[in-house]
PDB file of N, CA and C in Angstrom:
ATOM      1  N   MET A   1       0.816  -1.139  -0.084  1.00  0.00           N
ATOM      2  CA  MET A   1      -0.099   0.092  -0.046  1.00  0.00           C
ATOM      3  C   MET A   1       0.830   1.341  -0.038  1.00  0.00           C
ATOM      4  N   ASP A   2       0.491   2.141  -0.847  1.00  0.00           N
ATOM      5  CA  ASP A   2       1.252   3.288  -0.745  1.00  0.00           C
ATOM      6  C   ASP A   2       0.596   4.378   0.035  1.00  0.00           C
ATOM      7  N   LEU A   3       1.052   5.466   0.392  1.00  0.00           N
ATOM      8  CA  LEU A   3       0.862   6.636   1.141  1.00  0.00           C
ATOM      9  C   LEU A   3      -0.621   7.370   0.849  1.00  0.00           C
ATOM     10  N   THR A   4      -0.875   7.235  -0.455  1.00  0.00           N
ATOM     11  CA  THR A   4      -2.408   7.598  -0.592  1.00  0.00           C
ATOM     12  C   THR A   4      -3.472   6.480  -0.290  1.00  0.00           C
ATOM     13  N   GLY A   5      -2.967   5.465   0.276  1.00  0.00           N
ATOM     14  CA  GLY A   5      -4.115   4.529   0.831  1.00  0.00           C
ATOM     15  C   GLY A   5      -4.694   3.583  -0.269  1.00  0.00           C
ATOM     16  N   GLU A   6      -3.840   3.314  -1.207  1.00  0.00           N
ATOM     17  CA  GLU A   6      -4.364   2.679  -2.208  1.00  0.00           C
ATOM     18  C   GLU A   6      -3.302   1.584  -2.589  1.00  0.00           C
ATOM     19  N   ASN A   7      -3.524   0.219  -2.378  1.00  0.00           N
ATOM     20  CA  ASN A   7      -2.795  -0.616  -2.559  1.00  0.00           C
ATOM     21  C   ASN A   7      -2.161  -1.108  -3.946  1.00  0.00           C
ATOM     22  N   GLN A   8      -1.580  -2.110  -4.228  1.00  0.00           N
ATOM     23  CA  GLN A   8      -0.750  -2.019  -5.520  1.00  0.00           C
ATOM     24  C   GLN A   8      -1.948  -2.640  -6.829  1.00  0.00           C
ATOM     25  N   ALA A   9      -3.065  -2.960  -6.179  1.00  0.00           N
ATOM     26  CA  ALA A   9      -4.141  -3.379  -7.110  1.00  0.00           C
ATOM     27  C   ALA A   9      -4.848  -2.172  -7.379  1.00  0.00           C
ATOM     28  N   GLY A  10      -4.741  -0.862  -6.734  1.00  0.00           N
ATOM     29  CA  GLY A  10      -5.450   0.316  -7.038  1.00  0.00           C
ATOM     30  C   GLY A  10      -6.596   0.338  -6.370  1.00  0.00           C
ATOM     31  N   ALA A  11      -6.771  -0.624  -5.633  1.00  0.00           N
ATOM     32  CA  ALA A  11      -8.194  -0.601  -4.669  1.00  0.00           C
ATOM     33  C   ALA A  11      -7.797   0.084  -3.360  1.00  0.00           C
ATOM     34  N   ARG A  12      -8.891   0.605  -2.765  1.00  0.00           N
ATOM     35  CA  ARG A  12      -8.670   1.377  -1.546  1.00  0.00           C
ATOM     36  C   ARG A  12      -9.010   0.204  -0.430  1.00  0.00           C
ATOM     37  N   PRO A  13      -8.360   0.028   0.774  1.00  0.00           N
ATOM     38  CA  PRO A  13      -8.543  -0.845   1.876  1.00  0.00           C
ATOM     39  C   PRO A  13      -9.867  -0.618   2.465  1.00  0.00           C
ATOM     40  N   ALA A  14     -10.683  -1.546   3.101  1.00  0.00           N
ATOM     41  CA  ALA A  14     -11.536  -1.317   3.857  1.00  0.00           C
ATOM     42  C   ALA A  14     -11.388  -0.413   5.107  1.00  0.00           C
ATOM     43  N   ASN A  15     -12.388   0.139   5.521  1.00  0.00           N
ATOM     44  CA  ASN A  15     -12.398   1.188   6.412  1.00  0.00           C
ATOM     45  C   ASN A  15     -11.622   0.867   7.649  1.00  0.00           C
ATOM     46  N   GLY A  16     -11.845  -0.337   8.461  1.00  0.00           N
ATOM     47  CA  GLY A  16     -11.184  -1.062   8.997  1.00  0.00           C
ATOM     48  C   GLY A  16      -9.514  -1.154   9.183  1.00  0.00           C
ATOM     49  N   ASP A  17      -9.354  -1.103   7.872  1.00  0.00           N
ATOM     50  CA  ASP A  17      -7.568  -1.256   7.753  1.00  0.00           C
ATOM     51  C   ASP A  17      -7.047   0.050   8.055  1.00  0.00           C
ATOM     52  N   TYR A  18      -7.909   1.472   7.837  1.00  0.00           N
ATOM     53  CA  TYR A  18      -7.207   2.527   8.299  1.00  0.00           C
ATOM     54  C   TYR A  18      -6.935   2.626   9.650  1.00  0.00           C
ATOM     55  N   GLU A  19      -7.724   2.046  10.495  1.00  0.00           N
ATOM     56  CA  GLU A  19      -7.634   2.209  11.870  1.00  0.00           C
ATOM     57  C   GLU A  19      -6.233   1.448  12.345  1.00  0.00           C
ATOM     58  N   SER A  20      -5.506   0.657  11.647  1.00  0.00           N
ATOM     59  CA  SER A  20      -4.351   0.137  11.902  1.00  0.00           C
ATOM     60  C   SER A  20      -3.210   1.139  11.676  1.00  0.00           C
ATOM     61  N   LEU A  21      -3.347   2.218  10.536  1.00  0.00           N
ATOM     62  CA  LEU A  21      -2.496   3.062  10.229  1.00  0.00           C
ATOM     63  C   LEU A  21      -2.511   4.398  11.334  1.00  0.00           C
ATOM     64  N   ARG A  22      -3.404   4.327  12.370  1.00  0.00           N
ATOM     65  CA  ARG A  22      -3.358   5.444  12.940  1.00  0.00           C
ATOM     66  C   ARG A  22      -2.207   5.270  14.168  1.00  0.00           C
ATOM     67  N   LEU A  23      -1.261   6.237  14.184  1.00  0.00           N
ATOM     68  CA  LEU A  23      -0.132   6.335  14.938  1.00  0.00           C
ATOM     69  C   LEU A  23      -0.164   7.340  15.995  1.00  0.00           C
ATOM     70  N   LEU A  24       0.480   7.144  17.158  1.00  0.00           N
ATOM     71  CA  LEU A  24       0.600   8.205  18.114  1.00  0.00           C
ATOM     72  C   LEU A  24       2.358   8.222  18.247  1.00  0.00           C
ATOM     73  N   ASP A  25       2.586   9.752  18.694  1.00  0.00           N
ATOM     74  CA  ASP A  25       4.001   9.690  18.994  1.00  0.00           C
ATOM     75  C   ASP A  25       4.084   9.915  20.462  1.00  0.00           C
ATOM     76  N   VAL A  26       5.458  10.057  20.944  1.00  0.00           N
ATOM     77  CA  VAL A  26       5.749   9.700  22.447  1.00  0.00           C
ATOM     78  C   VAL A  26       4.927  10.632  23.152  1.00  0.00           C
ATOM     79  N   ASP A  27       4.899  11.956  22.776  1.00  0.00           N
ATOM     80  CA  ASP A  27       4.002  13.067  23.381  1.00  0.00           C
ATOM     81  C   ASP A  27       2.586  12.665  23.693  1.00  0.00           C
ATOM     82  N   GLN A  28       2.211  12.193  22.707  1.00  0.00           N
ATOM     83  CA  GLN A  28       0.648  11.761  22.592  1.00  0.00           C
ATOM     84  C   GLN A  28       0.399  10.543  23.687  1.00  0.00           C
ATOM     85  N   LEU A  29       1.266   9.877  23.344  1.00  0.00           N
ATOM     86  CA  LEU A  29       1.218   8.687  24.516  1.00  0.00           C
ATOM     87  C   LEU A  29       1.219   8.985  26.002  1.00  0.00           C
ATOM     88  N   CYS A  30       2.350   9.853  26.194  1.00  0.00           N
ATOM     89  CA  CYS A  30       2.418  10.260  27.577  1.00  0.00           C
ATOM     90  C   CYS A  30       1.203  11.100  28.072  1.00  0.00           C
ATOM     91  N   GLU A  31       0.550  11.988  27.406  1.00  0.00           N
ATOM     92  CA  GLU A  31      -0.600  12.515  27.691  1.00  0.00           C
ATOM     93  C   GLU A  31      -1.736  11.705  27.936  1.00  0.00           C
ATOM     94  N   LEU A  32      -1.814  10.466  27.010  1.00  0.00           N
ATOM     95  CA  LEU A  32      -2.719   9.521  26.840  1.00  0.00           C
ATOM     96  C   LEU A  32      -3.036   8.687  28.175  1.00  0.00           C
ATOM     97  N   ILE A  33      -1.702   8.454  28.531  1.00  0.00           N
ATOM     98  CA  ILE A  33      -1.379   7.287  29.650  1.00  0.00           C
ATOM     99  C   ILE A  33      -0.955   8.245  31.200  1.00  0.00           C
ATOM    100  N   ARG A  34      -0.920   9.332  30.818  1.00  0.00           N
ATOM    101  CA  ARG A  34      -0.341  10.082  31.897  1.00  0.00           C
ATOM    102  C   ARG A  34       1.091   9.431  32.634  1.00  0.00           C
ATOM    103  N   THR A  35       2.026   9.572  31.894  1.00  0.00           N
ATOM    104  CA  THR A  35       3.320   9.201  32.296  1.00  0.00           C
ATOM    105  C   THR A  35       4.403  10.211  31.796  1.00  0.00           C
ATOM    106  N   LYS A  36       5.550   9.580  32.324  1.00  0.00           N
ATOM    107  CA  LYS A  36       6.590  10.447  31.680  1.00  0.00           C
ATOM    108  C   LYS A  36       7.490   9.881  30.486  1.00  0.00           C
ATOM    109  N   LYS A  37       8.023  10.685  29.671  1.00  0.00           N
ATOM    110  CA  LYS A  37       8.764  10.149  28.506  1.00  0.00           C
ATOM    111  C   LYS A  37       9.714   9.186  28.922  1.00  0.00           C
ATOM    112  N   SER A  38      10.563   9.573  30.018  1.00  0.00           N
ATOM    113  CA  SER A  38      11.688   8.471  30.042  1.00  0.00           C
ATOM    114  C   SER A  38      10.854   7.177  30.370  1.00  0.00           C
ATOM    115  N   TRP A  39       9.755   6.927  30.791  1.00  0.00           N
ATOM    116  CA  TRP A  39       8.934   5.604  31.182  1.00  0.00           C
ATOM    117  C   TRP A  39       9.036   4.757  30.063  1.00  0.00           C
ATOM    118  N   ILE A  40       8.284   5.508  28.926  1.00  0.00           N
ATOM    119  CA  ILE A  40       8.255   5.135  27.739  1.00  0.00           C
ATOM    120  C   ILE A  40       9.178   4.701  26.954  1.00  0.00           C
ATOM    121  N   TYR A  41      10.188   5.434  26.843  1.00  0.00           N
ATOM    122  CA  TYR A  41      11.503   5.117  26.392  1.00  0.00           C
ATOM    123  C   TYR A  41      12.259   3.937  26.769  1.00  0.00           C
ATOM    124  N   ASP A  42      12.041   3.742  28.195  1.00  0.00           N
ATOM    125  CA  ASP A  42      12.574   2.369  29.040  1.00  0.00           C
ATOM    126  C   ASP A  42      11.655   1.209  28.450  1.00  0.00           C
ATOM    127  N   ALA A  43      10.443   1.398  28.646  1.00  0.00           N
ATOM    128  CA  ALA A  43       9.711   0.291  28.044  1.00  0.00           C
ATOM    129  C   ALA A  43       9.521   0.050  26.595  1.00  0.00           C
ATOM    130  N   VAL A  44      10.018   0.738  25.714  1.00  0.00           N
ATOM    131  CA  VAL A  44      10.135   0.523  24.577  1.00  0.00           C
ATOM    132  C   VAL A  44      11.409  -0.268  24.105  1.00  0.00           C
ATOM    133  N   GLU A  45      12.433   0.181  24.952  1.00  0.00           N
ATOM    134  CA  GLU A  45      13.753  -0.405  24.977  1.00  0.00           C
ATOM    135  C   GLU A  45      13.812  -1.619  25.623  1.00  0.00           C
ATOM    136  N   ALA A  46      13.079  -1.720  26.625  1.00  0.00           N
ATOM    137  CA  ALA A  46      12.914  -3.044  27.346  1.00  0.00           C
ATOM    138  C   ALA A  46      11.971  -4.107  26.529  1.00  0.00           C
ATOM    139  N   GLY A  47      11.575  -3.656  25.307  1.00  0.00           N
ATOM    140  CA  GLY A  47      10.655  -4.544  24.659  1.00  0.00           C
ATOM    141  C   GLY A  47       9.055  -4.638  25.379  1.00  0.00           C
ATOM    142  N   LYS A  48       8.711  -3.721  25.932  1.00  0.00           N
ATOM    143  CA  LYS A  48       7.372  -3.891  26.975  1.00  0.00           C
ATOM    144  C   LYS A  48       6.468  -3.530  26.115  1.00  0.00           C
ATOM    145  N   ILE A  49       6.470  -2.376  25.177  1.00  0.00           N
ATOM    146  CA  ILE A  49       5.450  -1.779  24.722  1.00  0.00           C
ATOM    147  C   ILE A  49       6.053  -1.856  23.118  1.00  0.00           C
ATOM    148  N   PRO A  50       5.200  -2.159  22.213  1.00  0.00           N
ATOM    149  CA  PRO A  50       5.231  -2.730  20.923  1.00  0.00           C
ATOM    150  C   PRO A  50       5.438  -0.991  20.183  1.00  0.00           C
ATOM    151  N   ALA A  51       6.533  -0.711  19.392  1.00  0.00           N
ATOM    152  CA  ALA A  51       6.849   0.527  18.896  1.00  0.00           C
ATOM    153  C   ALA A  51       7.144   0.393  17.292  1.00  0.00           C
ATOM    154  N   ILE A  52       6.966   1.555  16.677  1.00  0.00           N
ATOM    155  CA  ILE A  52       7.423   1.629  15.159  1.00  0.00           C
ATOM    156  C   ILE A  52       8.354   2.498  15.229  1.00  0.00           C
ATOM    157  N   ARG A  53       9.645   2.298  14.630  1.00  0.00           N
ATOM    158  CA  ARG A  53      10.730   3.403  14.564  1.00  0.00           C
ATOM    159  C   ARG A  53      10.721   3.913  13.127  1.00  0.00           C
ATOM    160  N   LEU A  54      10.480   5.030  13.012  1.00  0.00           N
ATOM    161  CA  LEU A  54      10.615   5.831  11.702  1.00  0.00           C
ATOM    162  C   LEU A  54      11.910   6.921  11.917  1.00  0.00           C
ATOM    163  N   GLY A  55      13.070   6.235  11.239  1.00  0.00           N
ATOM    164  CA  GLY A  55      14.390   7.077  11.658  1.00  0.00           C
ATOM    165  C   GLY A  55      14.468   7.105  12.947  1.00  0.00           C
ATOM    166  N   LYS A  56      14.652   8.439  13.674  1.00  0.00           N
ATOM    167  CA  LYS A  56      14.895   8.480  14.752  1.00  0.00           C
ATOM    168  C   LYS A  56      13.781   8.816  15.665  1.00  0.00           C
ATOM    169  N   GLN A  57      12.542   8.589  15.130  1.00  0.00           N
ATOM    170  CA  GLN A  57      11.273   8.780  15.484  1.00  0.00           C
ATOM    171  C   GLN A  57      10.533   7.605  16.127  1.00  0.00           C
ATOM    172  N   ILE A  58       9.624   7.292  17.151  1.00  0.00           N
ATOM    173  CA  ILE A  58       8.893   6.327  17.558  1.00  0.00           C
ATOM    174  C   ILE A  58       7.556   6.614  17.571  1.00  0.00           C
ATOM    175  N   ARG A  59       6.678   5.713  16.875  1.00  0.00           N
ATOM    176  CA  ARG A  59       5.717   5.941  16.943  1.00  0.00           C
ATOM    177  C   ARG A  59       4.629   4.364  17.401  1.00  0.00           C
ATOM    178  N   PHE A  60       3.416   4.668  18.005  1.00  0.00           N
ATOM    179  CA  PHE A  60       2.968   3.584  18.495  1.00  0.00           C
ATOM    180  C   PHE A  60       1.627   3.585  17.931  1.00  0.00           C
ATOM    181  N   ARG A  61       1.246   2.192  17.444  1.00  0.00           N
ATOM    182  CA  ARG A  61      -0.350   1.802  16.893  1.00  0.00           C
ATOM    183  C   ARG A  61      -1.123   1.486  17.952  1.00  0.00           C
ATOM    184  N   GLU A  62      -2.396   2.423  17.853  1.00  0.00           N
ATOM    185  CA  GLU A  62      -3.511   2.455  19.070  1.00  0.00           C
ATOM    186  C   GLU A  62      -4.014   0.924  19.155  1.00  0.00           C
ATOM    187  N   ALA A  63      -3.898   0.008  18.368  1.00  0.00           N
ATOM    188  CA  ALA A  63      -4.212  -1.387  18.609  1.00  0.00           C
ATOM    189  C   ALA A  63      -3.356  -1.956  19.739  1.00  0.00           C
ATOM    190  N   ASP A  64      -2.080  -1.900  19.393  1.00  0.00           N
ATOM    191  CA  ASP A  64      -1.067  -2.306  20.204  1.00  0.00           C
ATOM    192  C   ASP A  64      -1.092  -1.802  21.497  1.00  0.00           C
ATOM    193  N   LEU A  65      -1.212  -0.638  21.765  1.00  0.00           N
ATOM    194  CA  LEU A  65      -1.306  -0.124  22.810  1.00  0.00           C
ATOM    195  C   LEU A  65      -2.671  -0.617  23.871  1.00  0.00           C
ATOM    196  N   VAL A  66      -3.622  -0.737  23.083  1.00  0.00           N
ATOM    197  CA  VAL A  66      -4.735  -1.538  23.771  1.00  0.00           C
ATOM    198  C   VAL A  66      -4.403  -2.923  24.150  1.00  0.00           C
ATOM    199  N   ALA A  67      -3.909  -3.563  23.559  1.00  0.00           N
ATOM    200  CA  ALA A  67      -3.523  -4.758  23.553  1.00  0.00           C
ATOM    201  C   ALA A  67      -2.386  -4.744  25.016  1.00  0.00           C
ATOM    202  N   TYR A  68      -1.394  -4.109  25.151  1.00  0.00           N
ATOM    203  CA  TYR A  68      -0.635  -3.911  25.963  1.00  0.00           C
ATOM    204  C   TYR A  68      -1.257  -3.518  27.360  1.00  0.00           C
ATOM    205  N   LEU A  69      -2.044  -2.559  27.330  1.00  0.00           N
ATOM    206  CA  LEU A  69      -2.504  -2.179  28.417  1.00  0.00           C
ATOM    207  C   LEU A  69      -3.562  -3.287  29.161  1.00  0.00           C
ATOM    208  N   SER A  70      -4.409  -3.965  28.220  1.00  0.00           N
ATOM    209  CA  SER A  70      -5.279  -4.833  28.816  1.00  0.00           C
ATOM    210  C   SER A  70      -4.300  -5.946  29.324  1.00  0.00           C
ATOM    211  N   GLY A  71      -3.155  -6.378  28.639  1.00  0.00           N
ATOM    212  CA  GLY A  71      -2.544  -7.240  29.476  1.00  0.00           C
ATOM    213  C   GLY A  71      -1.728  -6.946  30.922  1.00  0.00           C
ATOM    214  N   ALA A  72      -1.448  -5.698  30.985  1.00  0.00           N
ATOM    215  CA  ALA A  72      -1.069  -4.885  32.016  1.00  0.00           C
ATOM    216  C   ALA A  72      -1.809  -4.770  33.118  1.00  0.00           C
ATOM    217  N   ALA A  73      -3.114  -4.798  32.603  1.00  0.00           N
ATOM    218  CA  ALA A  73      -4.058  -4.372  34.045  1.00  0.00           C
ATOM    219  C   ALA A  73      -4.275  -5.492  34.904  1.00  0.00           C
ATOM    220  N   THR A  74      -4.089  -5.302  36.334  1.00  0.00           N
ATOM    221  CA  THR A  74      -4.088  -6.013  37.150  1.00  0.00           C
ATOM    222  C   THR A  74      -5.587  -6.249  37.899  1.00  0.00           C
ATOM    223  N   ALA A  75      -5.840  -7.287  38.380  1.00  0.00           N
ATOM    224  CA  ALA A  75      -7.183  -7.512  39.060  1.00  0.00           C
ATOM    225  C   ALA A  75      -7.178  -6.698  40.283  1.00  0.00           C
ATOM    226  N   SER A  76      -8.565  -6.317  40.677  1.00  0.00           N
ATOM    227  CA  SER A  76      -8.657  -5.544  41.797  1.00  0.00           C
ATOM    228  C   SER A  76      -8.739  -6.611  42.971  1.00  0.00           C
ATOM    229  N   PRO A  77      -8.421  -5.923  44.114  1.00  0.00           N
ATOM    230  CA  PRO A  77      -8.061  -6.474  45.461  1.00  0.00           C
ATOM    231  C   PRO A  77      -8.954  -7.633  45.942  1.00  0.00           C
ATOM    232  N   ALA A  78     -10.440  -7.255  45.465  1.00  0.00           N
ATOM    233  CA  ALA A  78     -11.773  -7.970  45.771  1.00  0.00           C
ATOM    234  C   ALA A  78     -11.733  -8.991  45.104  1.00  0.00           C
ATOM    235  N   ALA A  79     -11.264  -8.935  43.593  1.00  0.00           N
ATOM    236  CA  ALA A  79     -11.114 -10.310  42.490  1.00  0.00           C
ATOM    237  C   ALA A  79      -9.913 -11.089  42.955  1.00  0.00           C
ATOM    238  N   ARG A  80      -9.010 -10.699  43.551  1.00  0.00           N
ATOM    239  CA  ARG A  80      -7.799 -11.742  43.824  1.00  0.00           C
ATOM    240  C   ARG A  80      -8.206 -12.300  45.289  1.00  0.00           C
ATOM    241  N   GLU A  81      -9.018 -11.703  46.184  1.00  0.00           N
ATOM    242  CA  GLU A  81      -9.534 -12.705  47.130  1.00  0.00           C
ATOM    243  C   GLU A  81     -10.423 -13.481  46.907  1.00  0.00           C
ATOM    244  N   ARG A  82     -11.192 -13.659  45.740  1.00  0.00           N
ATOM    245  CA  ARG A  82     -11.973 -14.421  45.499  1.00  0.00           C
ATOM    246  C   ARG A  82     -11.502 -15.652  44.535  1.00  0.00           C
ATOM    247  N   ALA A  83     -10.192 -15.543  44.146  1.00  0.00           N
ATOM    248  CA  ALA A  83      -9.488 -16.365  43.420  1.00  0.00           C
ATOM    249  C   ALA A  83      -8.862 -17.389  44.187  1.00  0.00           C
TER     250      ALA A  83
END
């Protein structure tokens, strides 16, 4: 697919395919999850958060972040007591 949104056959992808193209930068991610840039850079370096490198810049797919945050969520104390 090229940057115009067309694949090599000339057809446009389905609407759902554009969702995977939405990228956040480090500042946007900091604001979204309310954390420091240094934590994000450390997490990317450790391989905890999936990232896309574009030259010296780092970008994040929204779907990857949702999956990461879902896996990082912990059970509430009440749920742990029941287990």
